[in-house]
C-alpha cells in the first residue's frame, strides 16, 4: 500500500476512535498492528475480491465456527473438513490469536469478548475501498445468499441488500437463497435494480421448456490490459432444498458439460484468466475442478467454510485453485494473479477476517444502514428473553440455537418429536446477552416460515432422517446438498456417516423406548417445502416461548451417538 493510502487509513482509525467507535484498547490492536493485518501488498495485474453467504447481515455480529464438520470418503481429513486445533495446525495459525478466533470455535465466548464483533457492511466497505485504492479495476464478487437471512431483508423483499450491494460496489454475483423471493421478484431486481451495475451470473439456470439460459452465464472485462472472464454457478439443488413452486419454470443442476463449454467459449474470446463464481459448496467445487479444465480459480460459497488458503486441484488441463470465503460478512477474500505471456504465472491469496473494531465504519454505508432499518427499529429491538448460555447455529448435527427452536416448537405445539432444518446461517448470542426479536429473525427469516405439526409413523421418521443424512454424507459430493443434518428434538438416535444409504440411522428411541415402525408420533417442524403448506410463522411460535420463559438456561444438545467417526479431524 502506498504511504499516502496507509496514512489516510490510520487517520480514519484515529477519527473513529475519537468518535467513540468501540476500539479494543489491548496493545495487540495498536494502529500499526491493525494496519499490518489489513495491509495486503498489491501483487500482479489481475485482482479479485470476494465475499459470500453474508445472509443479509448489514451490521457487525458474533458468529461461531463449527466444532463438527465431518469429511467422509475422499474428503476425510481435508479442507474444508477440519475444525479447531486441527484447522490451526493445517494452516499454520497460532492458537490464541485473533486469526485463531476468526477461523475456529475455540474458547469462543471469551475470545469474542476480547476481539469484538465481526462483519458489518460499513466496515467491509472501508476495507473494499482501501484494497481498491491500489488495485485498479479490481472486481468485487458476491457469491450469493445475500438477499436472505435477516428481518429487514424479508420485510423489504430483498431491497435493503440489493441497495447495500450497489453502494458497496459489487460487480458480479451468484445466487441461491435469492430464488426464495420467487422467480418474478428475482427477475424484477435483475432487470430494474442490477442492470448496468451488477452482473447476475448463472450458467446452470435454464428454462424447463426449451433449455434457454435465464441469466447471463458469464461476464468479460478487460483489467489492466488483460481479458478476464467470470462464469456464474448458482446452487444446483435450489428446487430440491427450497420450494420448487417458487421457481417452477427453471432448471438448475451442476452441468459440468455446459461449464466446460462456457470456459472454452470465453477462452476463444480471448480470456487469459477464467474465474468461476460458485455457489456449489466446497466439496462440489473440488470435484468440478478435477473434471472441468481451463478454470484458473473457483471462488466458492454455500457451505460457509472459512478456508484460509486455496486448495490446488490438478486436472487434465493444468490446475485450478478452489477457495471458500466463509459467511455472514465475516471475511473478504483477495486473489491477485500475475498474468504475463498470455497466462497466469503466479498468484497470492488472503482471506481477511472483518473485525469491526479494527476497521472504521464507512460513513455513507452507516447512513444507508441506519435509514433502511429506521422503520423497523422498535420491532427489531424488542427484548424477548436473556440467554444464560452461548447460542449458536452450525455444526453437522446440532447447535444451541437450533436446540432452543426445537424446545420451543415442541413445547408450544405439544409434540413428541421436533425437526428443525440444518440451515447454516444464523448469528450467535453470547452468555448473558438479551435475545431480541432481530436475533430470532436472524435464525428464521424465510419466505416459507410455517410451523407445522404432523403425525408420522416411525418408518416415515427413519426415512426422513436417512434421506437428509445422505444429502449431508454421500461419498460423492455431487449428491450432497451442502447443508447440515436436520436437527432432532426429543428423539435419541445413532448415526454412522460412513455407512451406506438407508443404513446410517439406528437406535431410534423416544423416552427410552424404541421407535415403532407402524406407530404414529406427533412431530413439530417448520420451513416445509411442499406447495400449499400453511401454518403460523415459526418466529411467532418461538417468540411466545421466549417471552414466557424470560430467562433461557443453557441448552442440552440432543446429539446422535456417532459411529465410526473416531480420529476424524472434522470433529472436536
Protein backbone atom coordinates (compact mmCIF):
# COMPACT_ATOMS: atom_id res chain seq x y z
CA UNK A 1 0.00 0.00 0.00
CA UNK A 2 1.29 3.49 -0.80
CA UNK A 3 2.27 5.61 2.21
CA UNK A 4 -0.49 8.10 1.35
CA UNK A 5 -3.22 5.43 1.49
CA UNK A 6 -1.79 3.91 4.65
CA UNK A 7 -1.64 7.30 6.34
CA UNK A 8 -5.21 8.09 5.31
CA UNK A 9 -6.33 4.74 6.69
CA UNK A 10 -4.63 5.37 10.04
CA UNK A 11 -6.21 8.81 10.17
CA UNK A 12 -9.60 7.16 9.66
CA UNK A 13 -8.82 4.81 12.53
CA UNK A 14 -7.90 7.70 14.78
CA UNK A 15 -11.04 9.60 13.79
CA UNK A 16 -13.18 6.55 14.51
CA UNK A 17 -11.56 6.25 17.94
CA UNK A 18 -12.21 9.90 18.75
CA UNK A 19 -15.81 9.49 17.56
CA UNK A 20 -16.35 6.80 20.14
CA UNK A 21 -16.14 3.67 17.98
CA UNK A 22 -15.57 0.56 20.09
CA UNK A 23 -11.84 0.18 19.50
CA UNK A 24 -10.24 -2.53 21.66
CA UNK A 25 -7.57 -0.99 23.88
CA UNK A 26 -5.28 -4.02 24.02
CA UNK A 27 -1.71 -3.33 22.80
CA UNK A 28 -2.22 -6.02 20.15
CA UNK A 29 -4.66 -3.70 18.45
CA UNK A 30 -2.42 -0.68 18.19
CA UNK A 31 -2.92 1.14 14.91
CA UNK A 32 0.32 -0.17 13.42
CA UNK A 33 -0.72 -3.77 14.05
CA UNK A 34 -4.17 -3.06 12.70
CA UNK A 35 -2.60 -1.65 9.59
CA UNK A 36 -0.44 -4.77 9.22
CA UNK A 37 -3.47 -7.06 9.47
CA UNK A 38 -5.16 -5.36 6.53
CA UNK A 39 -2.07 -4.34 4.58
CA UNK A 40 -2.16 -6.78 1.67
CA UNK A 41 0.59 -5.69 -0.73
CA UNK A 42 -0.54 -5.45 -4.32
CA UNK A 43 0.66 -8.35 -6.46
CA UNK A 44 0.38 -8.91 -10.19
CA UNK A 45 -2.09 -7.25 -12.54
CA UNK A 46 -5.44 -9.07 -12.19
CA UNK A 47 -7.35 -8.65 -8.92
CA UNK A 48 -10.50 -10.09 -7.34
CA UNK A 49 -12.21 -9.50 -4.02
CA UNK A 50 -14.84 -12.00 -2.89
CA UNK A 51 -17.39 -12.34 -0.11
CA UNK A 52 -20.17 -14.89 0.08
CA UNK A 53 -23.13 -16.07 2.15
CA UNK A 54 -23.49 -12.81 4.08
CA UNK A 55 -27.17 -13.75 4.65
CA UNK A 56 -28.31 -10.15 4.77
CA UNK A 57 -26.25 -9.22 7.85
CA UNK A 58 -25.67 -5.50 7.42
CA UNK A 59 -24.37 -4.88 10.94
CA UNK A 60 -21.49 -6.43 12.93
CA UNK A 61 -22.37 -9.74 14.59
CA UNK A 62 -20.97 -12.62 16.58
CA UNK A 63 -20.54 -15.83 14.57
CA UNK A 64 -19.15 -19.10 15.95
CA UNK A 65 -17.50 -21.54 13.54
CA UNK A 66 -18.40 -25.26 13.85
CA UNK A 67 -16.80 -27.87 16.08
CA UNK A 68 -18.23 -30.65 13.86
CA UNK A 69 -17.64 -30.58 10.08
CA UNK A 70 -17.10 -34.20 9.09
CA UNK A 71 -15.43 -35.20 5.86
CA UNK A 72 -16.32 -38.64 4.52
CA UNK A 73 -14.74 -40.85 1.84
CA UNK A 74 -12.22 -38.79 -0.19
CA UNK A 75 -12.93 -35.65 1.86
CA UNK A 76 -11.77 -37.24 5.14
CA UNK A 77 -9.20 -35.06 6.90
CA UNK A 78 -9.02 -32.45 4.14
CA UNK A 79 -10.15 -28.84 3.92
CA UNK A 80 -12.84 -27.74 4.48
CA UNK A 81 -13.44 -30.63 6.92
CA UNK A 82 -11.06 -29.52 9.65
CA UNK A 83 -12.12 -27.87 12.90
CA UNK A 84 -10.49 -26.26 15.92
CA UNK A 85 -6.87 -27.15 16.60
CA UNK A 86 -6.72 -29.42 13.54
CA UNK A 87 -7.54 -26.44 11.31
CA UNK A 88 -4.97 -24.24 13.07
CA UNK A 89 -2.25 -26.87 12.57
CA UNK A 90 -3.12 -27.45 8.92
CA UNK A 91 -2.84 -23.75 8.05
CA UNK A 92 -0.08 -22.73 10.47
CA UNK A 93 -2.26 -20.39 12.55
CA UNK A 94 -1.07 -19.72 16.10
CA UNK A 95 -3.56 -20.70 18.85
CA UNK A 96 -4.99 -17.88 20.96
CA UNK A 97 -4.60 -15.28 18.22
CA UNK A 98 -7.13 -13.06 16.50
CA UNK A 99 -6.91 -15.30 13.40
CA UNK A 100 -7.49 -18.43 15.51
CA UNK A 101 -10.68 -16.82 16.80
CA UNK A 102 -11.80 -15.91 13.28
CA UNK A 103 -11.35 -19.40 11.85
CA UNK A 104 -12.37 -21.65 14.77
CA UNK A 105 -14.87 -22.11 17.60
CA UNK A 106 -12.09 -22.39 20.24
CA UNK A 107 -12.84 -20.59 23.53
CA UNK A 108 -15.46 -18.71 21.56
CA UNK A 109 -17.31 -16.69 24.21
CA UNK A 110 -14.14 -15.35 25.84
CA UNK A 111 -12.37 -14.69 22.52
CA UNK A 112 -15.45 -12.89 21.20
CA UNK A 113 -15.35 -10.52 24.19
CA UNK A 114 -11.63 -9.95 23.63
CA UNK A 115 -11.70 -9.34 19.89
CA UNK A 116 -15.18 -7.92 19.35
CA UNK A 117 -17.77 -8.42 16.66
CA UNK A 118 -17.11 -9.37 13.04
CA UNK A 119 -18.55 -8.25 9.73
CA UNK A 120 -20.87 -5.36 9.02
CA UNK A 121 -21.22 -3.76 5.59
CA UNK A 122 -19.92 -0.40 6.83
CA UNK A 123 -16.64 -1.99 7.94
CA UNK A 124 -16.50 -4.19 4.84
CA UNK A 125 -16.95 -1.08 2.69
CA UNK A 126 -13.93 0.56 4.31
CA UNK A 127 -11.75 -2.46 3.54
CA UNK A 128 -13.05 -2.76 -0.03
CA UNK A 129 -12.23 0.90 -0.68
CA UNK A 130 -8.79 0.51 0.82
CA UNK A 131 -7.91 -2.53 -1.28
CA UNK A 132 -9.36 -0.96 -4.43
CA UNK A 133 -7.25 2.16 -3.93
CA UNK A 134 -4.15 0.29 -5.02
CA UNK A 135 -5.73 -2.45 -7.14
CA UNK A 136 -7.07 -0.51 -10.12
CA UNK A 137 -10.11 -2.13 -11.76
CA UNK A 138 -10.31 -4.92 -9.13
CA UNK A 139 -13.59 -6.84 -9.38
CA UNK A 140 -15.75 -7.36 -6.28
CA UNK A 141 -17.57 -10.70 -6.46
CA UNK A 142 -20.60 -11.61 -4.34
CA UNK A 143 -21.08 -15.38 -4.05
CA UNK A 144 -24.81 -15.20 -3.26
CA UNK A 145 -27.09 -15.94 -0.30
CA UNK A 146 -27.12 -12.17 0.03
CA UNK A 147 -30.80 -11.17 -0.09
CA UNK A 148 -31.98 -13.54 2.70
CA UNK A 149 -31.18 -14.07 6.37
CA UNK A 150 -32.46 -11.03 8.27
CA UNK A 151 -35.76 -9.44 9.25
CA UNK A 152 -35.18 -6.35 7.11
CA UNK A 153 -34.27 -8.40 4.03
CA UNK A 154 -37.51 -10.35 4.45
CA UNK A 155 -39.65 -7.28 5.12
CA UNK A 156 -38.17 -5.29 2.21
CA UNK A 157 -38.33 -8.26 -0.18
CA UNK A 158 -34.55 -8.18 -0.52
CA UNK A 159 -34.37 -4.50 -1.40
CA UNK A 160 -32.22 -3.48 1.58
CA UNK A 161 -29.47 -5.86 0.45
CA UNK A 162 -29.74 -5.04 -3.25
CA UNK A 163 -29.15 -1.35 -2.50
CA UNK A 164 -26.39 -2.13 0.02
CA UNK A 165 -24.52 -4.20 -2.58
CA UNK A 166 -24.80 -1.45 -5.16
CA UNK A 167 -23.38 1.00 -2.61
CA UNK A 168 -20.61 -1.47 -1.72
CA UNK A 169 -19.57 -1.61 -5.37
CA UNK A 170 -20.31 -5.27 -6.14
CA UNK A 171 -19.57 -6.07 -9.79
CA UNK A 172 -20.91 -9.62 -10.20
CA UNK A 173 -22.90 -12.10 -8.14
CA UNK A 174 -24.01 -15.73 -7.96
CA UNK A 175 -27.13 -16.99 -6.18
CA UNK A 176 -29.14 -19.48 -4.13
CA UNK A 177 -31.49 -18.17 -1.38
CA UNK A 178 -32.21 -15.22 -3.67
CA UNK A 179 -34.61 -17.53 -5.53
CA UNK A 180 -36.79 -17.95 -2.43
CA UNK A 181 -38.07 -14.43 -3.09
CA UNK A 182 -39.73 -16.05 -6.13
CA UNK A 183 -38.76 -16.04 -9.80
CA UNK A 184 -40.71 -12.88 -10.64
CA UNK A 185 -39.09 -10.86 -7.85
CA UNK A 186 -35.61 -12.09 -8.83
CA UNK A 187 -36.15 -11.09 -12.46
CA UNK A 188 -37.56 -7.71 -11.39
CA UNK A 189 -34.40 -6.99 -9.35
CA UNK A 190 -32.07 -8.21 -12.12
CA UNK A 191 -33.81 -6.14 -14.79
CA UNK A 192 -34.54 -2.96 -12.80
CA UNK A 193 -32.01 -2.66 -9.97
CA UNK A 194 -28.92 -4.51 -11.16
CA UNK A 195 -28.93 -3.70 -14.88
CA UNK A 196 -25.75 -1.89 -15.86
CA UNK A 197 -24.42 -2.17 -12.31
CA UNK A 198 -24.19 -5.77 -11.04
CA UNK A 199 -24.00 -8.83 -13.32
CA UNK A 200 -26.26 -11.66 -12.05
CA UNK A 201 -24.46 -14.73 -13.44
CA UNK A 202 -25.68 -18.35 -13.66
CA UNK A 203 -24.54 -20.69 -16.42
CA UNK A 204 -26.62 -23.54 -14.95
CA UNK A 205 -30.09 -21.94 -14.77
CA UNK A 206 -32.23 -22.68 -17.82
CA UNK A 207 -35.90 -22.72 -18.79
CA UNK A 208 -37.71 -26.04 -18.35
CA UNK A 209 -39.35 -25.82 -21.79
CA UNK A 210 -36.56 -25.15 -24.32
CA UNK A 211 -33.49 -25.08 -22.07
CA UNK A 212 -32.74 -21.42 -22.79
CA UNK A 213 -30.40 -19.53 -20.43
CA UNK A 214 -32.37 -17.46 -17.91
CA UNK A 215 -29.43 -15.26 -16.88
CA UNK A 216 -26.08 -14.30 -18.39
CA UNK A 217 -23.75 -17.30 -17.98
CA UNK A 218 -20.62 -15.15 -17.76
CA UNK A 219 -19.21 -11.64 -17.96
CA UNK A 220 -15.95 -10.48 -19.55
CA UNK A 221 -13.88 -7.46 -18.58
CA UNK A 222 -10.53 -6.03 -19.57
CA UNK A 223 -8.42 -5.46 -16.46
CA UNK A 224 -5.12 -3.62 -16.81
CA UNK A 225 -4.71 -4.87 -20.39
CA UNK A 226 -5.74 -8.47 -19.60
CA UNK A 227 -9.02 -10.09 -20.71
CA UNK A 228 -10.79 -11.65 -17.71
CA UNK A 229 -13.91 -13.84 -17.60
CA UNK A 230 -16.15 -14.65 -14.62
CA UNK A 231 -18.61 -17.54 -15.01
CA UNK A 232 -21.53 -17.84 -12.59
CA UNK A 233 -22.73 -21.07 -10.96
CA UNK A 234 -25.98 -20.95 -8.96
CA UNK A 235 -26.73 -23.53 -6.26
CA UNK A 236 -27.50 -26.70 -8.26
CA UNK A 237 -30.15 -28.11 -5.89
CA UNK A 238 -32.23 -24.98 -5.31
CA UNK A 239 -35.59 -26.56 -6.37
CA UNK A 240 -34.96 -29.55 -4.06
CA UNK A 241 -33.55 -27.82 -0.98
CA UNK A 242 -36.07 -24.97 -1.26
CA UNK A 243 -39.68 -24.83 -2.53
CA UNK A 244 -39.95 -25.79 -6.20
CA UNK A 245 -43.08 -23.65 -6.62
CA UNK A 246 -41.00 -20.51 -6.14
CA UNK A 247 -39.14 -21.06 -9.43
CA UNK A 248 -41.36 -23.56 -11.30
CA UNK A 249 -40.13 -22.87 -14.84
CA UNK A 250 -36.37 -23.07 -14.27
CA UNK A 251 -33.94 -25.98 -14.06
CA UNK A 252 -30.66 -25.91 -12.14
CA UNK A 253 -28.11 -28.73 -11.68
CA UNK A 254 -24.31 -28.93 -11.76
CA UNK A 255 -23.90 -29.13 -15.57
CA UNK A 256 -20.18 -29.82 -15.99
CA UNK A 257 -20.53 -30.18 -19.77
CA UNK A 258 -22.06 -26.72 -20.14
CA UNK A 259 -19.47 -25.30 -17.73
CA UNK A 260 -16.70 -26.70 -19.94
CA UNK A 261 -18.43 -25.20 -22.97
CA UNK A 262 -18.57 -21.78 -21.27
CA UNK A 263 -14.88 -21.97 -20.29
CA UNK A 264 -13.92 -22.88 -23.87
CA UNK A 265 -16.13 -20.07 -25.20
CA UNK A 266 -14.57 -17.32 -23.05
CA UNK A 267 -11.07 -18.65 -23.78
CA UNK A 268 -11.87 -18.47 -27.52
CA UNK A 269 -12.96 -14.85 -26.96
CA UNK A 270 -9.53 -14.05 -25.53
CA UNK A 271 -9.87 -14.57 -21.78
CA UNK A 272 -6.45 -15.08 -20.18
CA UNK A 273 -7.94 -15.51 -16.69
CA UNK A 274 -11.10 -17.53 -16.02
CA UNK A 275 -12.75 -17.47 -12.59
CA UNK A 276 -15.91 -19.36 -11.62
CA UNK A 277 -18.07 -17.56 -9.06
CA UNK A 278 -19.73 -20.58 -7.50
CA UNK A 279 -22.46 -21.40 -5.03
CA UNK A 280 -21.91 -25.16 -5.25
CA UNK A 281 -20.37 -25.81 -1.84
CA UNK A 282 -16.67 -26.51 -1.48
CA UNK A 283 -16.74 -30.30 -1.89
CA UNK A 284 -18.66 -29.94 -5.16
CA UNK A 285 -16.21 -27.26 -6.34
CA UNK A 286 -13.26 -29.55 -5.60
CA UNK A 287 -14.78 -32.28 -7.75
CA UNK A 288 -15.73 -29.84 -10.53
CA UNK A 289 -12.15 -28.53 -10.55
CA UNK A 290 -10.89 -32.06 -11.25
CA UNK A 291 -13.28 -32.52 -14.20
CA UNK A 292 -13.51 -29.15 -15.97
CA UNK A 293 -10.31 -27.74 -17.48
CA UNK A 294 -9.27 -24.16 -18.16
CA UNK A 295 -10.53 -22.60 -14.91
CA UNK A 296 -7.88 -20.64 -13.01
CA UNK A 297 -9.87 -20.33 -9.77
CA UNK A 298 -13.23 -21.27 -8.32
CA UNK A 299 -14.28 -18.70 -5.74
CA UNK A 300 -16.91 -20.64 -3.85
CA UNK A 301 -19.64 -20.42 -1.26
CA UNK A 302 -22.76 -22.14 0.08
CA UNK A 303 -21.13 -24.35 2.73
CA UNK A 304 -19.95 -21.35 4.80
CA UNK A 305 -16.42 -22.73 5.13
CA UNK A 306 -13.81 -20.14 6.05
CA UNK A 307 -10.71 -21.75 4.49
CA UNK A 308 -7.55 -19.67 4.95
CA UNK A 309 -5.76 -20.86 1.79
CA UNK A 310 -6.85 -22.20 -1.61
CA UNK A 311 -6.77 -25.91 -2.39
CA UNK A 312 -4.90 -26.58 -5.64
CA UNK A 313 -6.55 -29.27 -7.79
CA UNK A 314 -4.70 -30.85 -10.71
CA UNK A 315 -6.70 -31.69 -13.83
CA UNK A 316 -6.13 -32.67 -17.45
CA UNK A 317 -5.58 -29.05 -18.46
CA UNK A 318 -3.35 -27.92 -15.60
CA UNK A 319 -4.55 -26.78 -12.20
CA UNK A 320 -7.40 -24.88 -10.55
CA UNK A 321 -7.44 -23.03 -7.24
CA UNK A 322 -10.52 -23.71 -5.10
CA UNK A 323 -11.43 -21.21 -2.36
CA UNK A 324 -14.29 -20.70 0.09
CA UNK A 325 -14.78 -17.41 1.89
CA UNK A 326 -16.89 -18.15 4.98
CA UNK A 327 -20.20 -16.45 5.76
CA UNK A 328 -22.18 -13.68 7.46
CA UNK A 329 -19.96 -10.88 6.15
CA UNK A 330 -17.16 -12.17 8.36
CA UNK A 331 -14.46 -12.44 5.66
CA UNK A 332 -13.25 -10.75 2.49
CA UNK A 333 -11.02 -12.76 0.14
CA UNK A 334 -8.36 -11.11 -2.01
CA UNK A 335 -7.00 -13.03 -5.01
CA UNK A 336 -4.24 -11.47 -7.11
CA UNK A 337 -2.90 -13.02 -10.33
CA UNK A 338 0.34 -12.21 -12.12
CA UNK A 339 -0.55 -12.63 -15.80
CA UNK A 340 2.27 -12.47 -18.33
CA UNK A 341 2.76 -14.04 -21.74
CA UNK A 342 -0.95 -14.70 -22.03
CA UNK A 343 -1.30 -16.87 -18.94
CA UNK A 344 -1.24 -16.92 -15.15
CA UNK A 345 2.34 -17.14 -13.85
CA UNK A 346 1.69 -16.85 -10.10
CA UNK A 347 -0.92 -15.80 -7.54
CA UNK A 348 -1.39 -14.51 -3.99
CA UNK A 349 -4.47 -15.17 -1.83
CA UNK A 350 -5.55 -13.82 1.52
CA UNK A 351 -8.80 -14.41 3.43
CA UNK A 352 -9.19 -11.36 5.65
CA UNK A 353 -11.39 -11.51 8.77
CA UNK A 354 -13.51 -8.37 9.14
CA UNK A 355 -13.02 -7.25 12.75
CA UNK A 356 -15.40 -4.36 13.16
CA UNK A 357 -13.40 -2.66 15.91
CA UNK A 358 -10.30 -2.58 13.70
CA UNK A 359 -11.93 -1.12 10.60
CA UNK A 360 -13.66 2.26 10.89
CA UNK A 361 -17.22 2.33 9.61
CA UNK A 362 -17.73 3.88 6.18
CA UNK A 363 -19.93 6.94 6.80
CA UNK A 364 -22.01 6.61 3.63
CA UNK A 365 -22.79 2.95 4.36
CA UNK A 366 -23.63 3.73 8.01
CA UNK A 367 -26.11 6.39 6.89
CA UNK A 368 -27.71 3.94 4.44
CA UNK A 369 -27.99 1.13 7.02
CA UNK A 370 -29.48 3.46 9.64
CA UNK A 371 -32.02 4.75 7.11
CA UNK A 372 -33.14 1.31 5.90
CA UNK A 373 -33.51 -0.02 9.47
CA UNK A 374 -35.28 3.02 10.91
CA UNK A 375 -38.90 1.99 10.10
CA UNK A 376 -38.39 -1.38 11.84
CA UNK A 377 -36.16 -0.40 14.76
CA UNK A 378 -38.74 -0.73 17.54
CA UNK A 379 -39.77 -4.22 16.45
CA UNK A 380 -36.16 -5.36 15.88
CA UNK A 381 -35.07 -4.16 19.33
CA UNK A 382 -37.80 -5.92 21.35
CA UNK A 383 -36.10 -7.95 24.12
CA UNK A 384 -37.71 -11.39 24.26
CA UNK A 385 -35.54 -13.07 26.91
CA UNK A 386 -31.99 -13.29 28.27
CA UNK A 387 -29.77 -16.25 27.41
CA UNK A 388 -27.61 -17.68 30.17
CA UNK A 389 -25.64 -19.80 27.70
CA UNK A 390 -23.96 -19.42 24.31
CA UNK A 391 -26.47 -19.71 21.47
CA UNK A 392 -25.04 -20.67 18.08
CA UNK A 393 -26.06 -22.46 14.90
CA UNK A 394 -23.59 -24.53 12.85
CA UNK A 395 -22.14 -28.00 13.14
CA UNK A 396 -23.23 -31.15 11.35
CA UNK A 397 -25.81 -32.31 13.91
CA UNK A 398 -27.00 -29.58 16.24
CA UNK A 399 -26.36 -26.15 17.70
CA UNK A 400 -27.72 -24.50 20.81
CA UNK A 401 -29.84 -22.02 18.80
CA UNK A 402 -31.33 -24.95 16.89
CA UNK A 403 -31.99 -26.76 20.16
CA UNK A 404 -33.80 -23.70 21.52
CA UNK A 405 -36.02 -23.59 18.42
CA UNK A 406 -36.74 -27.32 18.81
CA UNK A 407 -37.58 -26.94 22.51
CA UNK A 408 -39.93 -24.07 21.68
CA UNK A 409 -41.85 -25.64 18.79
CA UNK A 410 -42.22 -28.95 20.65
CA UNK A 411 -43.50 -27.36 23.87
CA UNK A 412 -45.80 -24.81 22.25
CA UNK A 413 -47.28 -27.35 19.82
CA UNK A 414 -47.37 -30.32 22.19
CA UNK A 415 -45.18 -32.59 20.03
CA UNK A 416 -43.25 -35.77 20.91
CA UNK A 417 -40.51 -35.06 18.37
CA UNK A 418 -39.17 -31.92 16.68
CA UNK A 419 -37.42 -31.36 13.35
CA UNK A 420 -35.57 -28.13 12.52
CA UNK A 421 -33.75 -27.61 9.19
CA UNK A 422 -29.94 -27.87 9.09
CA UNK A 423 -29.54 -24.27 7.95
CA UNK A 424 -26.01 -22.88 8.29
CA UNK A 425 -26.98 -19.21 8.51
CA UNK A 426 -27.84 -17.50 11.79
CA UNK A 427 -25.91 -15.30 14.21
CA UNK A 428 -24.54 -16.10 17.67
CA UNK A 429 -25.61 -14.87 21.13
CA UNK A 430 -23.08 -14.62 23.98
CA UNK A 431 -23.88 -15.79 27.54
CA UNK A 432 -25.78 -13.06 29.43
CA UNK A 433 -26.92 -11.31 26.25
CA UNK A 434 -30.55 -10.34 25.62
CA UNK A 435 -32.27 -12.19 22.77
CA UNK A 436 -34.03 -9.58 20.64
CA UNK A 437 -36.69 -10.16 18.01
CA UNK A 438 -33.98 -9.33 15.45
CA UNK A 439 -31.79 -12.17 16.77
CA UNK A 440 -34.70 -14.58 16.45
CA UNK A 441 -35.29 -13.43 12.87
CA UNK A 442 -31.59 -14.00 12.10
CA UNK A 443 -32.38 -17.71 12.61
CA UNK A 444 -35.81 -17.90 10.97
CA UNK A 445 -36.33 -15.16 8.35
CA UNK A 446 -37.50 -17.10 5.29
CA UNK A 447 -40.41 -16.77 2.86
CA UNK A 448 -41.89 -20.17 3.87
CA UNK A 449 -41.66 -19.94 7.69
CA UNK A 450 -44.68 -22.06 8.59
CA UNK A 451 -44.59 -24.02 11.84
CA UNK A 452 -46.13 -27.45 11.31
CA UNK A 453 -47.47 -30.32 13.40
CA UNK A 454 -47.88 -33.69 11.69
CA UNK A 455 -48.48 -37.27 12.64
CA UNK A 456 -45.73 -39.52 11.30
CA UNK A 457 -45.04 -43.22 11.63
CA UNK A 458 -41.73 -44.47 12.99
CA UNK A 459 -40.93 -45.71 9.48
CA UNK A 460 -41.56 -42.26 7.97
CA UNK A 461 -39.33 -40.63 10.59
CA UNK A 462 -36.49 -43.03 9.79
CA UNK A 463 -36.89 -42.41 6.05
CA UNK A 464 -36.65 -38.63 6.56
CA UNK A 465 -33.53 -38.95 8.71
CA UNK A 466 -31.88 -41.31 6.21
CA UNK A 467 -32.64 -39.00 3.27
CA UNK A 468 -31.25 -35.90 4.96
CA UNK A 469 -28.23 -37.84 6.21
CA UNK A 470 -27.45 -38.94 2.66
CA UNK A 471 -27.69 -35.33 1.49
CA UNK A 472 -25.01 -34.48 4.05
CA UNK A 473 -22.70 -37.52 3.89
CA UNK A 474 -22.99 -39.15 0.46
CA UNK A 475 -19.42 -40.12 -0.51
CA UNK A 476 -19.95 -38.45 -3.92
CA UNK A 477 -20.06 -34.65 -3.44
CA UNK A 478 -22.36 -34.32 -6.47
CA UNK A 479 -25.09 -35.99 -4.40
CA UNK A 480 -24.63 -33.70 -1.39
CA UNK A 481 -26.76 -30.62 -0.89
CA UNK A 482 -24.32 -28.85 1.38
CA UNK A 483 -26.46 -28.22 4.45
CA UNK A 484 -26.16 -29.80 7.87
CA UNK A 485 -28.20 -32.72 9.24
CA UNK A 486 -31.79 -31.97 10.26
CA UNK A 487 -31.84 -31.02 13.95
CA UNK A 488 -33.87 -33.50 16.00
CA UNK A 489 -35.66 -32.87 19.31
CA UNK A 490 -36.98 -35.50 21.71
CA UNK A 491 -35.75 -38.48 19.72
CA UNK A 492 -32.43 -40.18 20.52
CA UNK A 493 -30.66 -41.97 17.68
CA UNK A 494 -27.29 -43.19 16.41
CA UNK A 495 -25.69 -42.10 13.13
CA UNK A 496 -22.93 -43.76 11.08
CA UNK A 497 -21.98 -41.13 8.45
CA UNK A 498 -19.77 -43.61 6.54
CA UNK A 499 -22.45 -46.31 6.25
CA UNK A 500 -24.40 -47.00 3.06
CA UNK A 501 -27.57 -45.08 2.18
CA UNK A 502 -30.53 -46.36 4.15
CA UNK A 503 -28.44 -47.83 6.96
CA UNK A 504 -26.88 -44.77 8.60
CA UNK A 505 -29.63 -44.22 11.22
CA UNK A 506 -30.13 -46.74 14.04
CA UNK A 507 -31.09 -46.96 17.75
CA UNK A 508 -34.07 -44.59 17.47
CA UNK A 509 -35.63 -44.16 20.92
CA UNK A 510 -38.26 -41.86 22.41
CA UNK A 511 -38.21 -41.54 26.22
CA UNK A 512 -36.18 -44.73 26.42
CA UNK A 513 -38.49 -46.80 24.22
CA UNK A 514 -37.60 -48.00 20.73
CA UNK A 515 -39.46 -46.17 17.96
CA UNK A 516 -42.08 -48.45 16.40
CA UNK A 517 -42.26 -48.54 12.61
CA UNK A 518 -46.06 -48.50 12.38
CA UNK A 519 -46.86 -46.32 15.40
CA UNK A 520 -47.80 -42.65 14.84
CA UNK A 521 -45.95 -39.82 16.61
CA UNK A 522 -46.63 -36.08 16.82
CA UNK A 523 -43.80 -34.24 15.01
CA UNK A 524 -43.31 -30.46 15.13
CA UNK A 525 -41.31 -28.79 12.36
CA UNK A 526 -41.02 -25.67 10.26
CA UNK A 527 -39.96 -24.50 6.76
CA UNK A 528 -41.99 -27.03 4.71
CA UNK A 529 -41.04 -27.03 1.01
CA UNK A 530 -44.34 -28.51 -0.22
CA UNK A 531 -46.71 -26.24 -2.12
CA UNK A 532 -49.85 -25.30 -0.21
CA UNK A 533 -48.24 -25.69 3.24
CA UNK A 534 -49.68 -23.35 5.85
CA UNK A 535 -49.10 -22.52 9.48
CA UNK A 536 -48.13 -19.82 11.95
CA UNK A 537 -44.73 -18.20 11.24
CA UNK A 538 -42.16 -20.04 13.34
CA UNK A 539 -40.80 -16.77 14.74
CA UNK A 540 -44.16 -16.08 16.38
CA UNK A 541 -44.17 -19.54 17.96
CA UNK A 542 -40.62 -19.19 19.30
CA UNK A 543 -41.17 -15.56 20.40
CA UNK A 544 -44.12 -16.66 22.56
CA UNK A 545 -41.95 -19.30 24.19
CA UNK A 546 -39.11 -16.82 24.84
CA UNK A 547 -41.41 -14.13 26.28
CA UNK A 548 -42.95 -16.71 28.58
CA UNK A 549 -39.61 -18.08 29.84
CA UNK A 550 -37.84 -14.70 30.13
CA UNK A 551 -34.58 -16.46 31.09
CA UNK A 552 -33.17 -19.14 28.79
CA UNK A 553 -31.00 -21.66 30.60
CA UNK A 554 -28.06 -23.26 28.74
CA UNK A 555 -29.39 -25.79 26.24
CA UNK A 556 -28.64 -29.50 26.49
CA UNK A 557 -27.92 -30.53 22.91
CA UNK A 558 -29.76 -33.56 21.58
CA UNK A 559 -26.93 -35.11 19.55
CA UNK A 560 -26.84 -38.55 17.92
CA UNK A 561 -24.40 -41.19 19.07
CA UNK A 562 -21.84 -41.15 16.28
CA UNK A 563 -20.47 -44.41 14.90
CA UNK A 564 -17.17 -44.66 13.03
CA UNK A 565 -16.01 -41.06 13.45
CA UNK A 566 -13.14 -41.63 15.90
CA UNK A 567 -10.00 -39.93 14.66
CA UNK A 568 -11.87 -37.74 12.17
CA UNK A 569 -10.25 -34.25 12.27
CA UNK A 570 -13.64 -32.75 11.40
CA UNK A 571 -14.89 -33.34 14.96
CA UNK A 572 -13.50 -31.86 18.15
